[in-house]
Structure formats: structure tokens, C-alpha cells
Amino acid sequence: MSERFKVSAPGGGLPPRREDACRVGIMRRIAAARLRYCGLDSMLDDVMLVVSELLTNAIQHSGTTEISLSITVEEDGFLCVRVRDGMPGACTAQHPKDTEESGRGLLLVDALTKGRGGDWGTDATGAETWCLLAMPEATEA
């Protein structure tokens, strides 16, 4: 699946507009429907977390006005989630203080992907963040 949507460029450190934040939920629903259609129900929770975190990061931190989400089954037994915002800059996991209310999303993505035998990162330009999750058949082998 491949979807693309417009967002407003963020301004002055303000949180994203409500309409832009709602796009994350819309993309989650589209992705969930596609996974169910493909018989990948067992991956729903993990993929929904990855989609939420990567899209939210793109909306909050990239400064872009267009974001794309693609989910593909790779030949090597992995499901690949890609979020492209087209803006350079590597995505890195933060280590917030215990009292901070946010900043743990990429730590969750890291733990989840590694727990599923996968990995995550950004492309050479930093314009795309990707995540590989081992398919159920690949993890049973």
C-alpha cells in the first residue's frame, strides 16, 4: 500500500494542527484494513505502533507539507513500513528524563523491531524513515 497526504508546515514550535494530527489515525485505519485484507492480522498491533510513531515524528519534526506512507512485503520475509517526508535529517531515538511526557516513540519502535527480528533507520539523505518487521512465517523458522 502507498498513501500520500498534505499537512500544514508547522510554525514556531507549535504542536501540529488538529487536522494534521488526525491524519495519523486515518493512515492507521487504511493500513489496518490492508493488513487484514492480506491476512496479516497478527501484525496489526506492532504495525499500528510503528505507523503512529513514524508519521507523528514526520508531522512534528520535519517541517514538510507532504508525507507518504508505504507498507510492502519484501522478498526476504519482512514487512517494510516507510514514511517519507522529503526533508533531510536523520531520525534518532531520544532518551528523555523519567519526568518528561514525550520522546519515547522511537525507543518503542527500536525495541519492537528488534524484538521481531527486524531493524529501523533512515535512508542516506534522512528524507525517509523505514522499519522492517519479520513476517510471522519468518519468525517461526
N, C-alpha and C. Protein backbone atom coordinates (compact mmCIF):
# COMPACT_ATOMS: atom_id res chain seq x y z
N MET A 1 0.83 -1.17 0.00
CA MET A 1 0.00 0.00 0.00
C MET A 1 0.88 1.23 0.00
N SER A 2 0.38 2.26 -0.60
CA SER A 2 1.11 3.51 -0.64
C SER A 2 0.10 4.66 -0.59
N GLU A 3 0.27 5.55 0.37
CA GLU A 3 -0.63 6.69 0.55
C GLU A 3 0.22 7.95 0.74
N ARG A 4 -0.33 9.06 0.27
CA ARG A 4 0.36 10.34 0.42
C ARG A 4 -0.67 11.37 0.86
N PHE A 5 -0.26 12.29 1.75
CA PHE A 5 -1.19 13.31 2.21
C PHE A 5 -0.45 14.61 2.51
N LYS A 6 -1.19 15.70 2.45
CA LYS A 6 -0.65 17.03 2.70
C LYS A 6 -0.84 17.38 4.18
N VAL A 7 0.09 18.15 4.70
CA VAL A 7 -0.01 18.71 6.04
C VAL A 7 0.42 20.18 5.98
N SER A 8 0.06 20.91 7.01
CA SER A 8 0.49 22.30 7.09
C SER A 8 1.89 22.36 7.65
N ALA A 9 2.69 23.25 7.13
CA ALA A 9 4.04 23.42 7.68
C ALA A 9 3.91 23.95 9.11
N PRO A 10 4.58 23.30 10.06
CA PRO A 10 4.49 23.75 11.45
C PRO A 10 5.17 25.10 11.61
N GLY A 11 4.75 25.81 12.60
CA GLY A 11 5.34 27.12 12.82
C GLY A 11 5.71 27.37 14.26
N GLY A 12 6.88 27.90 14.48
CA GLY A 12 7.29 28.39 15.79
C GLY A 12 7.23 27.42 16.94
N GLY A 13 7.49 26.14 16.71
CA GLY A 13 7.49 25.17 17.80
C GLY A 13 6.11 24.82 18.31
N LEU A 14 5.07 25.22 17.59
CA LEU A 14 3.71 24.90 17.99
C LEU A 14 3.40 23.44 17.68
N PRO A 15 2.47 22.84 18.41
CA PRO A 15 2.09 21.46 18.07
C PRO A 15 1.40 21.44 16.71
N PRO A 16 1.31 20.27 16.09
CA PRO A 16 0.66 20.19 14.78
C PRO A 16 -0.82 20.57 14.88
N ARG A 17 -1.36 21.03 13.77
CA ARG A 17 -2.79 21.33 13.73
C ARG A 17 -3.57 20.06 13.96
N ARG A 18 -4.75 20.20 14.52
CA ARG A 18 -5.60 19.05 14.83
C ARG A 18 -5.87 18.22 13.57
N GLU A 19 -6.13 18.89 12.45
CA GLU A 19 -6.42 18.19 11.20
C GLU A 19 -5.24 17.33 10.75
N ASP A 20 -4.04 17.86 10.95
CA ASP A 20 -2.85 17.10 10.57
C ASP A 20 -2.64 15.91 11.50
N ALA A 21 -2.84 16.13 12.79
CA ALA A 21 -2.69 15.04 13.75
C ALA A 21 -3.72 13.93 13.48
N CYS A 22 -4.91 14.29 13.04
CA CYS A 22 -5.95 13.30 12.73
C CYS A 22 -5.56 12.42 11.55
N ARG A 23 -4.69 12.91 10.69
CA ARG A 23 -4.26 12.11 9.54
C ARG A 23 -3.55 10.83 9.98
N VAL A 24 -2.91 10.87 11.13
CA VAL A 24 -2.25 9.66 11.65
C VAL A 24 -3.30 8.56 11.85
N GLY A 25 -4.41 8.90 12.46
CA GLY A 25 -5.48 7.93 12.68
C GLY A 25 -6.06 7.40 11.38
N ILE A 26 -6.21 8.28 10.41
CA ILE A 26 -6.73 7.86 9.09
C ILE A 26 -5.75 6.87 8.45
N MET A 27 -4.47 7.17 8.50
CA MET A 27 -3.47 6.28 7.90
C MET A 27 -3.41 4.95 8.65
N ARG A 28 -3.60 4.99 9.95
CA ARG A 28 -3.64 3.74 10.72
C ARG A 28 -4.80 2.86 10.26
N ARG A 29 -5.96 3.48 10.06
CA ARG A 29 -7.13 2.70 9.63
C ARG A 29 -6.93 2.11 8.23
N ILE A 30 -6.35 2.88 7.34
CA ILE A 30 -6.07 2.37 5.98
C ILE A 30 -5.08 1.22 6.05
N ALA A 31 -4.02 1.40 6.84
CA ALA A 31 -3.00 0.34 6.97
C ALA A 31 -3.60 -0.92 7.60
N ALA A 32 -4.42 -0.75 8.63
CA ALA A 32 -5.03 -1.91 9.29
C ALA A 32 -5.93 -2.67 8.32
N ALA A 33 -6.71 -1.95 7.53
CA ALA A 33 -7.59 -2.61 6.55
C ALA A 33 -6.76 -3.39 5.53
N ARG A 34 -5.67 -2.83 5.11
CA ARG A 34 -4.82 -3.50 4.12
C ARG A 34 -4.16 -4.75 4.72
N LEU A 35 -3.69 -4.65 5.96
CA LEU A 35 -3.09 -5.82 6.62
C LEU A 35 -4.12 -6.93 6.78
N ARG A 36 -5.33 -6.57 7.19
CA ARG A 36 -6.39 -7.59 7.33
C ARG A 36 -6.68 -8.24 5.98
N TYR A 37 -6.76 -7.43 4.94
CA TYR A 37 -7.02 -7.94 3.60
C TYR A 37 -5.94 -8.95 3.17
N CYS A 38 -4.71 -8.69 3.58
CA CYS A 38 -3.58 -9.55 3.21
C CYS A 38 -3.39 -10.71 4.18
N GLY A 39 -4.26 -10.84 5.18
CA GLY A 39 -4.16 -11.93 6.15
C GLY A 39 -3.05 -11.75 7.17
N LEU A 40 -2.66 -10.51 7.42
CA LEU A 40 -1.57 -10.23 8.36
C LEU A 40 -2.10 -9.65 9.68
N ASP A 41 -3.25 -10.14 10.12
CA ASP A 41 -3.87 -9.66 11.35
C ASP A 41 -2.94 -9.76 12.56
N SER A 42 -2.09 -10.77 12.59
CA SER A 42 -1.21 -10.97 13.74
C SER A 42 -0.17 -9.85 13.88
N MET A 43 0.01 -9.06 12.84
CA MET A 43 0.99 -7.97 12.88
C MET A 43 0.36 -6.61 13.15
N LEU A 44 -0.97 -6.58 13.29
CA LEU A 44 -1.68 -5.30 13.41
C LEU A 44 -1.15 -4.40 14.52
N ASP A 45 -1.06 -4.90 15.73
CA ASP A 45 -0.65 -4.04 16.86
C ASP A 45 0.73 -3.45 16.64
N ASP A 46 1.66 -4.29 16.21
CA ASP A 46 3.03 -3.80 16.01
C ASP A 46 3.10 -2.77 14.89
N VAL A 47 2.44 -3.05 13.79
CA VAL A 47 2.48 -2.13 12.65
C VAL A 47 1.76 -0.83 13.00
N MET A 48 0.67 -0.89 13.75
CA MET A 48 -0.04 0.34 14.13
C MET A 48 0.84 1.23 14.99
N LEU A 49 1.60 0.63 15.89
CA LEU A 49 2.51 1.43 16.71
C LEU A 49 3.57 2.09 15.84
N VAL A 50 4.17 1.33 14.94
CA VAL A 50 5.22 1.87 14.06
C VAL A 50 4.66 2.99 13.19
N VAL A 51 3.52 2.76 12.57
CA VAL A 51 2.89 3.77 11.72
C VAL A 51 2.63 5.04 12.52
N SER A 52 2.05 4.89 13.71
CA SER A 52 1.75 6.06 14.55
C SER A 52 3.00 6.85 14.88
N GLU A 53 4.03 6.17 15.32
CA GLU A 53 5.24 6.87 15.75
C GLU A 53 5.97 7.53 14.59
N LEU A 54 6.12 6.82 13.47
CA LEU A 54 6.87 7.40 12.36
C LEU A 54 6.11 8.56 11.71
N LEU A 55 4.79 8.43 11.57
CA LEU A 55 4.02 9.53 10.99
C LEU A 55 3.99 10.74 11.93
N THR A 56 3.82 10.50 13.21
CA THR A 56 3.80 11.60 14.18
C THR A 56 5.12 12.35 14.17
N ASN A 57 6.22 11.61 14.12
CA ASN A 57 7.53 12.27 14.05
C ASN A 57 7.65 13.13 12.80
N ALA A 58 7.21 12.59 11.67
CA ALA A 58 7.29 13.36 10.42
C ALA A 58 6.46 14.64 10.51
N ILE A 59 5.26 14.54 11.07
CA ILE A 59 4.40 15.72 11.19
C ILE A 59 5.01 16.74 12.15
N GLN A 60 5.51 16.28 13.28
CA GLN A 60 6.00 17.19 14.32
C GLN A 60 7.38 17.78 14.04
N HIS A 61 8.25 17.03 13.40
CA HIS A 61 9.65 17.45 13.36
C HIS A 61 10.23 17.77 11.98
N SER A 62 9.53 17.41 10.91
CA SER A 62 10.18 17.56 9.60
C SER A 62 10.03 18.95 8.98
N GLY A 63 8.93 19.62 9.24
CA GLY A 63 8.69 20.90 8.59
C GLY A 63 8.18 20.76 7.17
N THR A 64 7.79 19.57 6.77
CA THR A 64 7.33 19.30 5.41
C THR A 64 5.86 19.65 5.24
N THR A 65 5.41 19.64 4.00
CA THR A 65 3.99 19.84 3.72
C THR A 65 3.36 18.62 3.05
N GLU A 66 4.15 17.56 2.83
CA GLU A 66 3.63 16.33 2.24
C GLU A 66 4.37 15.13 2.82
N ILE A 67 3.60 14.13 3.20
CA ILE A 67 4.15 12.92 3.81
C ILE A 67 3.57 11.72 3.08
N SER A 68 4.40 10.69 2.89
CA SER A 68 3.89 9.46 2.30
C SER A 68 4.18 8.28 3.23
N LEU A 69 3.28 7.32 3.18
CA LEU A 69 3.40 6.09 3.95
C LEU A 69 3.28 4.94 2.97
N SER A 70 4.22 4.01 3.04
CA SER A 70 4.09 2.80 2.23
C SER A 70 4.39 1.59 3.12
N ILE A 71 3.67 0.53 2.85
CA ILE A 71 3.87 -0.73 3.56
C ILE A 71 3.95 -1.81 2.48
N THR A 72 5.05 -2.53 2.48
CA THR A 72 5.26 -3.56 1.47
C THR A 72 5.78 -4.84 2.11
N VAL A 73 5.47 -5.94 1.46
CA VAL A 73 6.02 -7.23 1.86
C VAL A 73 7.28 -7.43 1.01
N GLU A 74 8.40 -7.60 1.68
CA GLU A 74 9.68 -7.77 1.00
C GLU A 74 9.92 -9.26 0.73
N GLU A 75 10.72 -9.55 -0.27
CA GLU A 75 11.00 -10.94 -0.65
C GLU A 75 11.74 -11.73 0.42
N ASP A 76 12.44 -11.02 1.32
CA ASP A 76 13.23 -11.72 2.33
C ASP A 76 12.43 -12.03 3.61
N GLY A 77 11.09 -11.92 3.54
CA GLY A 77 10.26 -12.29 4.68
C GLY A 77 10.02 -11.18 5.68
N PHE A 78 10.22 -9.95 5.28
CA PHE A 78 9.98 -8.82 6.16
C PHE A 78 8.86 -7.94 5.63
N LEU A 79 8.15 -7.32 6.54
CA LEU A 79 7.20 -6.28 6.19
C LEU A 79 7.93 -4.96 6.39
N CYS A 80 7.92 -4.10 5.38
CA CYS A 80 8.64 -2.84 5.44
C CYS A 80 7.65 -1.68 5.50
N VAL A 81 7.78 -0.86 6.53
CA VAL A 81 7.00 0.37 6.67
C VAL A 81 7.94 1.52 6.37
N ARG A 82 7.53 2.39 5.44
CA ARG A 82 8.35 3.56 5.08
C ARG A 82 7.51 4.82 5.22
N VAL A 83 8.10 5.82 5.88
CA VAL A 83 7.48 7.14 5.96
C VAL A 83 8.47 8.11 5.35
N ARG A 84 8.00 8.79 4.33
CA ARG A 84 8.85 9.75 3.61
C ARG A 84 8.29 11.15 3.80
N ASP A 85 9.16 12.04 4.32
CA ASP A 85 8.75 13.44 4.45
C ASP A 85 9.55 14.34 3.51
N GLY A 86 10.57 13.77 2.86
CA GLY A 86 11.34 14.51 1.89
C GLY A 86 12.30 15.54 2.46
N MET A 87 12.41 15.59 3.77
CA MET A 87 13.28 16.57 4.41
C MET A 87 14.52 15.87 4.96
N PRO A 88 15.70 16.42 4.70
CA PRO A 88 16.92 15.78 5.21
C PRO A 88 17.01 15.87 6.73
N GLY A 89 17.68 14.90 7.29
CA GLY A 89 17.89 14.87 8.74
C GLY A 89 17.56 13.51 9.30
N ALA A 90 18.53 12.90 9.94
CA ALA A 90 18.34 11.55 10.48
C ALA A 90 17.42 11.56 11.68
N CYS A 91 16.65 10.51 11.79
CA CYS A 91 15.74 10.28 12.89
C CYS A 91 16.52 9.49 13.95
N THR A 92 16.58 9.98 15.17
CA THR A 92 17.30 9.26 16.22
C THR A 92 16.43 9.12 17.46
N ALA A 93 16.57 7.99 18.11
CA ALA A 93 15.83 7.77 19.36
C ALA A 93 16.39 8.67 20.45
N GLN A 94 15.49 9.24 21.22
CA GLN A 94 15.87 10.11 22.33
C GLN A 94 15.83 9.31 23.63
N HIS A 95 16.45 9.83 24.65
CA HIS A 95 16.40 9.21 25.97
C HIS A 95 15.93 10.27 26.95
N PRO A 96 14.59 10.48 27.00
CA PRO A 96 14.06 11.53 27.86
C PRO A 96 14.16 11.18 29.34
N LYS A 97 14.11 12.21 30.14
CA LYS A 97 14.10 12.01 31.59
C LYS A 97 12.79 11.34 31.98
N ASP A 98 12.78 10.67 33.13
CA ASP A 98 11.59 9.98 33.60
C ASP A 98 10.39 10.90 33.74
N THR A 99 10.63 12.17 34.01
CA THR A 99 9.53 13.12 34.23
C THR A 99 8.97 13.70 32.93
N GLU A 100 9.65 13.49 31.81
CA GLU A 100 9.17 14.03 30.53
C GLU A 100 8.01 13.20 30.01
N GLU A 101 7.04 13.89 29.40
CA GLU A 101 5.82 13.24 28.93
C GLU A 101 5.91 12.67 27.53
N SER A 102 6.93 13.03 26.77
CA SER A 102 7.03 12.52 25.40
C SER A 102 8.50 12.24 25.08
N GLY A 103 8.72 11.74 23.86
CA GLY A 103 10.09 11.50 23.42
C GLY A 103 10.52 10.05 23.44
N ARG A 104 9.57 9.13 23.68
CA ARG A 104 9.92 7.72 23.77
C ARG A 104 9.50 6.90 22.55
N GLY A 105 8.90 7.54 21.57
CA GLY A 105 8.34 6.83 20.43
C GLY A 105 9.35 5.99 19.66
N LEU A 106 10.49 6.56 19.34
CA LEU A 106 11.48 5.80 18.58
C LEU A 106 12.16 4.73 19.42
N LEU A 107 12.19 4.91 20.73
CA LEU A 107 12.68 3.83 21.60
C LEU A 107 11.73 2.63 21.51
N LEU A 108 10.43 2.91 21.46
CA LEU A 108 9.45 1.83 21.29
C LEU A 108 9.62 1.14 19.93
N VAL A 109 9.79 1.94 18.88
CA VAL A 109 10.00 1.38 17.54
C VAL A 109 11.25 0.50 17.53
N ASP A 110 12.32 0.98 18.14
CA ASP A 110 13.57 0.23 18.19
C ASP A 110 13.37 -1.11 18.91
N ALA A 111 12.75 -1.08 20.07
CA ALA A 111 12.53 -2.31 20.84
C ALA A 111 11.62 -3.28 20.09
N LEU A 112 10.58 -2.75 19.50
CA LEU A 112 9.62 -3.58 18.78
C LEU A 112 10.25 -4.25 17.57
N THR A 113 10.95 -3.48 16.77
CA THR A 113 11.55 -4.06 15.56
C THR A 113 12.61 -5.08 15.90
N LYS A 114 13.44 -4.78 16.85
CA LYS A 114 14.48 -5.75 17.24
C LYS A 114 13.87 -6.98 17.87
N GLY A 115 12.78 -6.81 18.63
CA GLY A 115 12.07 -7.94 19.22
C GLY A 115 11.43 -8.83 18.17
N ARG A 116 11.15 -8.28 17.00
CA ARG A 116 10.56 -9.03 15.88
C ARG A 116 11.62 -9.44 14.88
N GLY A 117 12.90 -9.34 15.25
CA GLY A 117 13.96 -9.76 14.35
C GLY A 117 14.22 -8.80 13.21
N GLY A 118 13.83 -7.54 13.38
CA GLY A 118 14.00 -6.56 12.31
C GLY A 118 14.92 -5.43 12.71
N ASP A 119 14.74 -4.31 12.03
CA ASP A 119 15.58 -3.14 12.28
C ASP A 119 14.83 -1.92 11.76
N TRP A 120 15.39 -0.73 12.02
CA TRP A 120 14.81 0.51 11.50
C TRP A 120 15.93 1.52 11.31
N GLY A 121 15.65 2.57 10.56
CA GLY A 121 16.63 3.62 10.35
C GLY A 121 16.11 4.64 9.35
N THR A 122 17.02 5.44 8.84
CA THR A 122 16.68 6.43 7.82
C THR A 122 17.54 6.18 6.59
N ASP A 123 17.05 6.64 5.44
CA ASP A 123 17.85 6.50 4.24
C ASP A 123 19.04 7.46 4.29
N ALA A 124 19.89 7.41 3.29
CA ALA A 124 21.14 8.18 3.29
C ALA A 124 20.91 9.69 3.43
N THR A 125 19.80 10.19 2.90
CA THR A 125 19.53 11.63 2.99
C THR A 125 18.74 12.00 4.23
N GLY A 126 18.16 11.02 4.88
CA GLY A 126 17.32 11.28 6.05
C GLY A 126 15.90 11.66 5.68
N ALA A 127 15.57 11.60 4.40
CA ALA A 127 14.24 12.00 3.93
C ALA A 127 13.19 10.91 4.12
N GLU A 128 13.64 9.70 4.44
CA GLU A 128 12.72 8.57 4.62
C GLU A 128 13.16 7.76 5.83
N THR A 129 12.19 7.42 6.67
CA THR A 129 12.44 6.53 7.80
C THR A 129 11.78 5.20 7.47
N TRP A 130 12.49 4.12 7.69
CA TRP A 130 11.99 2.79 7.36
C TRP A 130 12.05 1.88 8.58
N CYS A 131 11.24 0.84 8.53
CA CYS A 131 11.18 -0.12 9.63
C CYS A 131 10.88 -1.49 9.03
N LEU A 132 11.68 -2.48 9.39
CA LEU A 132 11.47 -3.86 8.94
C LEU A 132 10.99 -4.71 10.11
N LEU A 133 9.88 -5.42 9.89
CA LEU A 133 9.35 -6.35 10.88
C LEU A 133 9.30 -7.73 10.24
N ALA A 134 9.86 -8.72 10.90
CA ALA A 134 9.83 -10.08 10.36
C ALA A 134 8.38 -10.56 10.29
N MET A 135 8.06 -11.18 9.17
CA MET A 135 6.72 -11.73 8.97
C MET A 135 6.54 -12.93 9.89
N PRO A 136 5.30 -13.27 10.27
CA PRO A 136 5.09 -14.38 11.18
C PRO A 136 5.75 -15.68 10.74
N GLU A 137 5.72 -16.02 9.46
CA GLU A 137 6.34 -17.24 8.98
C GLU A 137 7.85 -17.21 9.19
N ALA A 138 8.46 -16.02 9.03
CA ALA A 138 9.91 -15.90 9.17
C ALA A 138 10.34 -16.02 10.63
N THR A 139 9.48 -15.62 11.57
CA THR A 139 9.87 -15.69 12.98
C THR A 139 9.69 -17.10 13.54
N GLU A 140 8.87 -17.94 12.89
CA GLU A 140 8.64 -19.29 13.38
C GLU A 140 9.75 -20.25 12.94
N ALA A 141 10.53 -19.88 11.95
CA ALA A 141 11.56 -20.78 11.42
C ALA A 141 12.71 -21.00 12.36
